[in-house]
Protein backbone atom coordinates (compact mmCIF):
# COMPACT_ATOMS: atom_id res chain seq x y z
CA UNK A 1 -27.56 -145.42 278.07
CA UNK A 2 -27.33 -149.02 276.98
CA UNK A 3 -26.14 -151.66 279.44
CA UNK A 4 -24.94 -155.00 278.17
CA UNK A 5 -24.29 -157.97 280.45
CA UNK A 6 -22.18 -160.71 278.90
CA UNK A 7 -21.79 -163.95 280.79
CA UNK A 8 -20.08 -167.24 280.08
CA UNK A 9 -22.03 -170.39 280.88
CA UNK A 10 -25.16 -172.34 280.20
CA UNK A 11 -28.60 -170.82 279.87
CA UNK A 12 -30.17 -169.83 283.16
CA UNK A 13 -33.05 -171.87 284.56
CA UNK A 14 -36.51 -170.35 284.28
CA UNK A 15 -36.55 -169.28 287.93
CA UNK A 16 -33.41 -167.17 287.38
CA UNK A 17 -34.75 -165.80 284.09
CA UNK A 18 -37.91 -164.72 285.93
CA UNK A 19 -35.90 -162.84 288.57
CA UNK A 20 -33.73 -161.19 285.90
CA UNK A 21 -36.85 -160.15 283.99
CA UNK A 22 -38.37 -158.74 287.19
CA UNK A 23 -35.47 -156.31 287.52
CA UNK A 24 -34.66 -155.61 283.86
CA UNK A 25 -38.29 -154.72 283.13
CA UNK A 26 -37.99 -151.93 285.71
CA UNK A 27 -35.15 -150.32 283.73
CA UNK A 28 -37.27 -149.36 280.74
CA UNK A 29 -37.38 -145.68 281.69
CA UNK A 30 -33.66 -145.41 282.40
CA UNK A 31 -31.62 -147.97 280.45
CA UNK A 32 -31.78 -150.44 277.68
CA UNK A 33 -30.53 -153.75 279.12
CA UNK A 34 -29.21 -156.57 276.97
CA UNK A 35 -28.30 -159.96 278.46
CA UNK A 36 -25.94 -162.07 276.36
CA UNK A 37 -24.94 -165.63 277.22
CA UNK A 38 -21.86 -167.22 275.65
CA UNK A 39 -21.59 -170.98 275.90
CA UNK A 40 -18.65 -172.21 277.92
CA UNK A 41 -15.93 -173.86 275.84
CA UNK A 42 -16.11 -177.66 275.93
CA UNK A 43 -13.06 -178.55 273.83
CA UNK A 44 -9.78 -177.20 275.11
CA UNK A 45 -6.26 -178.36 275.95
CA UNK A 46 -5.83 -176.21 279.06
CA UNK A 47 -7.84 -173.87 281.26
CA UNK A 48 -5.79 -170.95 279.93
CA UNK A 49 -6.68 -171.90 276.35
CA UNK A 50 -10.35 -172.19 277.34
CA UNK A 51 -10.35 -168.71 278.89
CA UNK A 52 -8.58 -167.30 275.83
CA UNK A 53 -11.19 -168.81 273.49
CA UNK A 54 -13.96 -167.35 275.63
CA UNK A 55 -12.18 -163.97 275.70
CA UNK A 56 -12.06 -163.89 271.90
CA UNK A 57 -15.83 -164.36 271.77
CA UNK A 58 -16.38 -161.66 274.39
CA UNK A 59 -14.12 -159.14 272.66
CA UNK A 60 -16.18 -159.44 269.47
CA UNK A 61 -19.19 -158.16 271.44
CA UNK A 62 -17.71 -155.20 273.34
CA UNK A 63 -16.34 -152.86 270.69
CA UNK A 64 -15.58 -149.48 272.26
CA UNK A 65 -17.93 -149.95 275.22
CA UNK A 66 -16.93 -148.97 278.74
CA UNK A 67 -16.09 -152.37 280.24
CA UNK A 68 -16.68 -153.53 283.80
CA UNK A 69 -15.39 -157.03 284.49
CA UNK A 70 -16.51 -158.96 287.52
CA UNK A 71 -13.55 -160.71 289.10
CA UNK A 72 -12.73 -161.86 292.61
CA UNK A 73 -9.54 -159.76 292.54
CA UNK A 74 -11.33 -156.54 291.62
CA UNK A 75 -12.25 -153.55 293.77
CA UNK A 76 -15.18 -153.67 296.13
CA UNK A 77 -17.89 -151.05 296.03
CA UNK A 78 -20.95 -150.08 298.08
CA UNK A 79 -24.36 -149.58 296.50
CA UNK A 80 -23.98 -145.81 296.91
CA UNK A 81 -20.51 -146.00 295.36
CA UNK A 82 -21.95 -147.94 292.43
CA UNK A 83 -24.66 -145.31 291.97
CA UNK A 84 -21.96 -142.62 291.78
CA UNK A 85 -20.05 -144.65 289.19
CA UNK A 86 -23.25 -145.29 287.24
CA UNK A 87 -24.01 -141.56 287.22
CA UNK A 88 -20.54 -140.84 285.83
CA UNK A 89 -20.87 -143.56 283.19
CA UNK A 90 -24.29 -142.26 282.12
CA UNK A 91 -22.78 -138.83 281.50
CA UNK A 92 -19.69 -140.06 279.68
CA UNK A 93 -20.42 -143.33 277.87
CA UNK A 94 -23.29 -144.42 275.62
CA UNK A 95 -22.66 -148.12 276.37
CA UNK A 96 -21.47 -149.95 279.44
CA UNK A 97 -20.76 -153.67 279.30
CA UNK A 98 -20.51 -155.88 282.37
CA UNK A 99 -18.65 -159.17 281.88
CA UNK A 100 -19.17 -162.24 284.05
CA UNK A 101 -16.61 -164.99 283.50
CA UNK A 102 -17.20 -168.70 283.47
CA UNK A 103 -16.26 -171.29 286.09
CA UNK A 104 -12.55 -170.63 285.51
CA UNK A 105 -12.79 -166.85 285.50
CA UNK A 106 -11.80 -164.34 282.85
CA UNK A 107 -8.74 -164.31 280.64
CA UNK A 108 -6.14 -161.64 281.41
CA UNK A 109 -6.91 -159.98 278.04
CA UNK A 110 -10.40 -159.15 279.31
CA UNK A 111 -9.09 -157.87 282.64
CA UNK A 112 -6.50 -155.69 280.86
CA UNK A 113 -9.12 -154.23 278.48
CA UNK A 114 -11.51 -153.48 281.35
CA UNK A 115 -12.05 -149.91 282.50
CA UNK A 116 -12.95 -151.18 285.96
CA UNK A 117 -12.61 -154.61 287.60
CA UNK A 118 -15.24 -155.16 290.28
CA UNK A 119 -15.47 -157.81 292.97
CA UNK A 120 -18.98 -158.44 294.25
CA UNK A 121 -17.61 -160.48 297.14
CA UNK A 122 -14.60 -162.39 298.37
CA UNK A 123 -16.87 -165.44 298.31
CA UNK A 124 -17.06 -167.73 295.31
CA UNK A 125 -20.60 -167.29 293.97
CA UNK A 126 -22.62 -169.40 291.54
CA UNK A 127 -22.77 -167.97 288.01
CA UNK A 128 -26.53 -167.44 288.01
CA UNK A 129 -26.50 -165.81 291.42
CA UNK A 130 -23.88 -163.32 290.20
CA UNK A 131 -26.20 -162.30 287.35
CA UNK A 132 -29.07 -161.74 289.79
CA UNK A 133 -26.89 -159.75 292.21
CA UNK A 134 -25.46 -157.66 289.38
CA UNK A 135 -28.86 -156.79 287.87
CA UNK A 136 -30.31 -156.03 291.31
CA UNK A 137 -27.38 -153.75 292.16
CA UNK A 138 -27.67 -151.87 288.87
CA UNK A 139 -31.37 -151.43 289.60
CA UNK A 140 -30.60 -150.31 293.17
CA UNK A 141 -28.00 -147.82 291.90
CA UNK A 142 -30.54 -146.36 289.48
CA UNK A 143 -33.12 -145.98 292.27
CA UNK A 144 -30.54 -144.17 294.41
CA UNK A 145 -29.90 -141.75 291.53
CA UNK A 146 -33.63 -141.18 291.10
CA UNK A 147 -34.38 -140.74 294.82
CA UNK A 148 -36.65 -143.78 294.74
CA UNK A 149 -37.34 -145.33 298.17
CA UNK A 150 -36.15 -148.84 297.14
CA UNK A 151 -32.73 -148.30 298.74
CA UNK A 152 -32.61 -147.54 302.45
CA UNK A 153 -29.69 -146.71 304.72
């Protein structure tokens, strides 16, 4: 299965890139991971217009993928729950795309097109931290599925 992570924002600092690489390099046996960064819109008349412009760029990259959008109003999920979802997705979809919005969130078109809207936390989290948490949780879910001792309860 191929996993794509699309995020809106500036390039991550090297320290974040190193952490992301640490986890994504562990996926080689299970998934192909692709990290895509879309620059945040700088010229816009309103926040809604900005989110719409970003949504148009995102939609060009998702095609018929199974889409998981990260949004503060989404459903919460445990690590075990995510592993169960991941198992289902692996059996039913060749590509899963996770979408992380910019500072102003995601446009309603993205939310409406999403197959699942997931909230990592009720807290507002920095963009780069969300990427790290997301990649770590995907890794954790895969270790749960493979009975690897990384996850403990």
